[in-house]
Amino acid sequence: MYLCRMLYIVPTPIGNLEDITLRALRVLKEADLILAEDTRTSSVLLKHYDIHRPLQSYHKFNEHKAVNALVERLKGGETMALISDAGTPGISDPGFLLARECVRQGVEVQCLPGATALVPALVASGLPCDRFVFEGFLPQKKGRQTRLRELAAEQRTVVIYESPYRVLKTLTQMAEVMGADRPVAVCREISKVHEQVVRGTMAEAIAYFNANEPRGEFVIVIGEKVNNE
């Protein structure tokens, strides 16, 4: 079965290399060009599965300049697969600009189902997952406090990404704005050897990570506001 001429958005494992799908492997093996956020990182995955296709960098620092040329090549009949370092491109990773321009210019876009950190973290959190809002990374400076105050009133479960260097600071700020008794699940290293979920209140999560150095990539899942009245 040969690929159709289009842009394929291909999720890649967020940790365990076995999490890639058979369809994703086929697309990567047959694509004319693989666009990778970091060719060094992606080369590890491609080498593991014995995939040898042309590889080109496509990341947040060059995506604006690269989009038009890539779309023209797609319109000319090439098939491309877009991957990020881990997870689904476009979800806190480059991908949106290229997908938008392809749609605008009539180039078909398909996104394969696959890995993304937010869904397993949400489901494993033990917090309601029938209605939720995904925030990605919070603003680091401008607008951060405003966004935290907005999320404090959110009735849906909230999912955010955070780095190990800021996770304790973020939890502390959340506790100040949302309340120390707000329920939370702090998930790290999803699908990897040291995968862990710390569940409890904001105060309990802060105490845990004050005693245990945060390591790895984090997803913070925040429950709805506690009504103590």
Protein backbone atom coordinates (compact mmCIF):
# COMPACT_ATOMS: atom_id res chain seq x y z
CA MET A 1 0.00 0.00 0.00
CA TYR A 2 1.50 3.31 -1.08
CA LEU A 3 1.04 6.66 0.62
CA CYS A 4 -1.25 9.31 -0.80
CA ARG A 5 0.42 12.60 -1.70
CA MET A 6 -0.13 14.76 1.38
CA LEU A 7 1.26 15.95 4.70
CA TYR A 8 1.15 13.27 7.37
CA ILE A 9 1.43 14.46 10.97
CA VAL A 10 2.98 11.52 12.80
CA PRO A 11 3.03 11.18 16.61
CA THR A 12 6.18 9.61 18.03
CA PRO A 13 6.72 7.96 21.44
CA ILE A 14 7.04 10.24 24.45
CA GLY A 15 9.24 7.67 26.17
CA ASN A 16 8.94 3.99 25.41
CA LEU A 17 9.87 3.40 21.76
CA GLU A 18 7.39 0.51 21.60
CA ASP A 19 4.50 3.00 21.77
CA ILE A 20 4.78 3.90 18.08
CA THR A 21 2.05 2.50 15.82
CA LEU A 22 2.52 0.18 12.85
CA ARG A 23 0.90 2.78 10.61
CA ALA A 24 3.31 5.47 11.81
CA LEU A 25 6.26 3.24 10.97
CA ARG A 26 4.89 2.59 7.47
CA VAL A 27 4.39 6.30 6.81
CA LEU A 28 7.91 7.12 7.99
CA LYS A 29 9.39 4.36 5.84
CA GLU A 30 7.57 5.51 2.68
CA ALA A 31 7.57 9.32 2.97
CA ASP A 32 9.62 11.32 0.47
CA LEU A 33 10.77 13.59 3.29
CA ILE A 34 10.61 13.51 7.09
CA LEU A 35 10.43 16.88 8.83
CA ALA A 36 11.89 16.67 12.32
CA GLU A 37 11.99 19.14 15.20
CA ASP A 38 15.51 17.93 16.07
CA THR A 39 17.16 15.63 13.54
CA ARG A 40 19.55 14.27 16.18
CA THR A 41 16.73 13.21 18.48
CA SER A 42 14.62 11.78 15.65
CA SER A 43 17.58 9.90 14.21
CA VAL A 44 17.63 7.72 17.32
CA LEU A 45 14.03 6.62 16.69
CA LEU A 46 14.54 6.17 12.95
CA LYS A 47 17.72 4.16 13.45
CA HIS A 48 15.97 1.94 16.02
CA TYR A 49 13.36 1.00 13.41
CA ASP A 50 15.82 0.88 10.51
CA ILE A 51 14.19 3.79 8.69
CA HIS A 52 16.34 5.57 6.13
CA ARG A 53 14.52 8.49 4.55
CA PRO A 54 15.64 12.09 3.83
CA LEU A 55 15.45 14.14 7.01
CA GLN A 56 15.08 17.93 7.31
CA SER A 57 14.97 20.19 10.35
CA TYR A 58 11.64 21.90 11.03
CA HIS A 59 11.45 23.72 14.35
CA LYS A 60 10.15 26.89 15.97
CA PHE A 61 13.16 28.92 14.84
CA ASN A 62 12.81 28.19 11.11
CA GLU A 63 9.18 27.19 10.60
CA HIS A 64 8.00 30.63 9.43
CA LYS A 65 10.66 30.75 6.72
CA ALA A 66 10.27 27.10 5.70
CA VAL A 67 6.48 26.84 5.40
CA ASN A 68 5.96 28.25 1.90
CA ALA A 69 8.73 26.20 0.29
CA LEU A 70 7.47 23.01 1.92
CA VAL A 71 3.90 23.62 0.78
CA GLU A 72 5.11 24.17 -2.78
CA ARG A 73 6.92 20.84 -2.68
CA LEU A 74 3.79 19.15 -1.36
CA LYS A 75 1.75 20.72 -4.16
CA GLY A 76 4.34 19.37 -6.55
CA GLY A 77 3.55 15.82 -5.51
CA GLU A 78 5.85 15.02 -2.60
CA THR A 79 4.72 13.16 0.49
CA MET A 80 5.98 14.46 3.83
CA ALA A 81 5.84 13.19 7.39
CA LEU A 82 6.08 15.74 10.20
CA ILE A 83 7.39 14.56 13.57
CA SER A 84 8.47 16.32 16.75
CA ASP A 85 10.95 15.20 19.41
CA ALA A 86 8.16 13.34 21.21
CA GLY A 87 4.38 13.19 21.05
CA THR A 88 2.05 14.77 18.52
CA PRO A 89 3.31 17.74 16.45
CA GLY A 90 1.23 20.85 17.04
CA ILE A 91 0.61 20.05 20.71
CA SER A 92 3.14 22.38 22.36
CA ASP A 93 5.44 21.58 19.41
CA PRO A 94 5.86 22.97 15.86
CA GLY A 95 3.21 21.86 13.40
CA PHE A 96 0.30 24.28 13.42
CA LEU A 97 1.73 26.74 10.89
CA LEU A 98 2.46 24.08 8.29
CA ALA A 99 -0.88 22.35 8.77
CA ARG A 100 -2.73 25.66 8.48
CA GLU A 101 -0.94 26.66 5.29
CA CYS A 102 -1.50 23.24 3.74
CA VAL A 103 -5.22 23.50 4.44
CA ARG A 104 -5.30 27.05 3.07
CA GLN A 105 -3.65 25.97 -0.18
CA GLY A 106 -5.64 22.79 -0.67
CA VAL A 107 -2.98 20.27 0.37
CA GLU A 108 -4.50 17.36 2.26
CA VAL A 109 -3.41 16.87 5.86
CA GLN A 110 -3.80 13.71 7.92
CA CYS A 111 -2.87 13.35 11.58
CA LEU A 112 -2.25 9.80 12.74
CA PRO A 113 -3.53 8.82 16.19
CA GLY A 114 -0.78 8.36 18.70
CA ALA A 115 1.21 9.46 21.69
CA THR A 116 0.66 12.68 23.59
CA ALA A 117 1.45 13.23 27.26
CA LEU A 118 -1.74 15.02 28.25
CA VAL A 119 -4.21 12.13 27.73
CA PRO A 120 -2.49 9.40 29.79
CA ALA A 121 -1.76 11.94 32.54
CA LEU A 122 -5.39 13.05 32.62
CA VAL A 123 -6.80 9.52 32.67
CA ALA A 124 -4.31 8.25 35.27
CA SER A 125 -4.82 11.27 37.54
CA GLY A 126 -8.01 9.95 39.08
CA LEU A 127 -9.58 13.36 38.49
CA PRO A 128 -12.67 13.87 36.27
CA CYS A 129 -11.71 13.50 32.61
CA ASP A 130 -15.09 13.83 30.89
CA ARG A 131 -14.57 17.60 30.58
CA PHE A 132 -11.14 19.23 30.66
CA VAL A 133 -9.11 22.16 29.36
CA PHE A 134 -5.53 21.84 28.09
CA GLU A 135 -3.31 24.88 28.68
CA GLY A 136 0.06 23.64 27.45
CA PHE A 137 2.84 25.68 29.07
CA LEU A 138 1.73 28.70 31.12
CA PRO A 139 3.22 32.11 30.29
CA GLN A 140 6.55 32.40 32.07
CA LYS A 141 6.23 36.10 32.87
CA LYS A 142 3.71 38.45 31.25
CA GLY A 143 0.14 37.34 31.84
CA ARG A 144 1.05 34.46 34.14
CA GLN A 145 -0.80 35.66 37.25
CA THR A 146 -3.83 36.65 35.19
CA ARG A 147 -3.95 33.19 33.64
CA LEU A 148 -3.63 31.50 37.02
CA ARG A 149 -6.53 33.54 38.39
CA GLU A 150 -8.65 32.57 35.38
CA LEU A 151 -7.83 28.89 35.86
CA ALA A 152 -8.63 29.14 39.58
CA ALA A 153 -12.31 29.58 38.66
CA GLU A 154 -12.29 26.77 36.05
CA GLN A 155 -14.96 24.12 36.65
CA ARG A 156 -13.28 21.62 34.32
CA THR A 157 -10.13 19.64 35.03
CA VAL A 158 -7.07 21.62 33.90
CA VAL A 159 -3.99 20.05 32.27
CA ILE A 160 -0.70 21.92 31.89
CA TYR A 161 2.88 21.03 30.94
CA GLU A 162 5.87 22.07 33.01
CA SER A 163 9.62 21.59 33.13
CA PRO A 164 11.40 20.06 36.16
CA TYR A 165 13.09 23.41 36.79
CA ARG A 166 9.82 25.30 37.28
CA VAL A 167 7.41 22.67 38.57
CA LEU A 168 7.84 23.50 42.26
CA LYS A 169 7.54 27.24 41.61
CA THR A 170 4.42 26.64 39.52
CA LEU A 171 2.79 24.45 42.17
CA THR A 172 3.55 27.07 44.83
CA GLN A 173 2.00 29.85 42.73
CA MET A 174 -1.03 27.69 42.01
CA ALA A 175 -1.51 27.00 45.71
CA GLU A 176 -1.39 30.72 46.45
CA VAL A 177 -3.99 31.55 43.79
CA MET A 178 -6.16 28.41 43.78
CA GLY A 179 -5.83 27.28 47.38
CA ALA A 180 -3.52 24.76 49.06
CA ASP A 181 -6.35 22.23 49.28
CA ARG A 182 -7.01 22.16 45.53
CA PRO A 183 -6.73 18.55 44.28
CA VAL A 184 -3.86 17.85 41.89
CA ALA A 185 -2.02 15.00 40.22
CA VAL A 186 1.58 15.65 39.20
CA CYS A 187 2.70 13.17 36.55
CA ARG A 188 6.28 12.77 35.39
CA GLU A 189 8.21 10.64 32.90
CA ILE A 190 5.07 9.15 31.34
CA SER A 191 5.74 5.78 29.66
CA LYS A 192 9.36 5.81 30.84
CA VAL A 193 11.13 3.64 33.43
CA HIS A 194 10.65 6.13 36.26
CA GLU A 195 7.03 7.05 35.51
CA GLN A 196 5.30 8.44 38.59
CA VAL A 197 2.06 10.13 39.61
CA VAL A 198 1.94 12.15 42.84
CA ARG A 199 -1.71 12.65 43.83
CA GLY A 200 -3.18 14.74 46.63
CA THR A 201 -3.64 18.42 47.41
CA MET A 202 -1.47 21.25 46.20
CA ALA A 203 0.09 21.45 49.67
CA GLU A 204 0.90 17.73 49.64
CA ALA A 205 2.44 17.89 46.16
CA ILE A 206 4.58 20.87 47.18
CA ALA A 207 5.77 19.04 50.30
CA TYR A 208 6.67 15.97 48.24
CA PHE A 209 8.74 17.86 45.68
CA ASN A 210 10.42 19.92 48.37
CA ALA A 211 11.67 16.61 49.75
CA ASN A 212 12.28 14.94 46.38
CA GLU A 213 14.08 16.79 43.58
CA PRO A 214 11.83 17.10 40.51
CA ARG A 215 13.27 15.24 37.52
CA GLY A 216 11.92 14.55 34.05
CA GLU A 217 9.09 16.08 32.06
CA PHE A 218 5.93 16.97 33.99
CA VAL A 219 2.19 17.13 33.37
CA ILE A 220 0.14 18.80 36.11
CA VAL A 221 -3.54 17.86 36.30
CA ILE A 222 -5.66 20.15 38.48
CA GLY A 223 -9.10 19.27 39.80
CA GLU A 224 -12.02 21.64 40.03
CA LYS A 225 -12.30 24.18 42.81
CA VAL A 226 -13.00 22.69 46.24
CA ASN A 227 -16.16 24.00 47.86
CA ASN A 228 -15.61 24.16 51.61
CA GLU A 229 -18.83 25.95 52.37
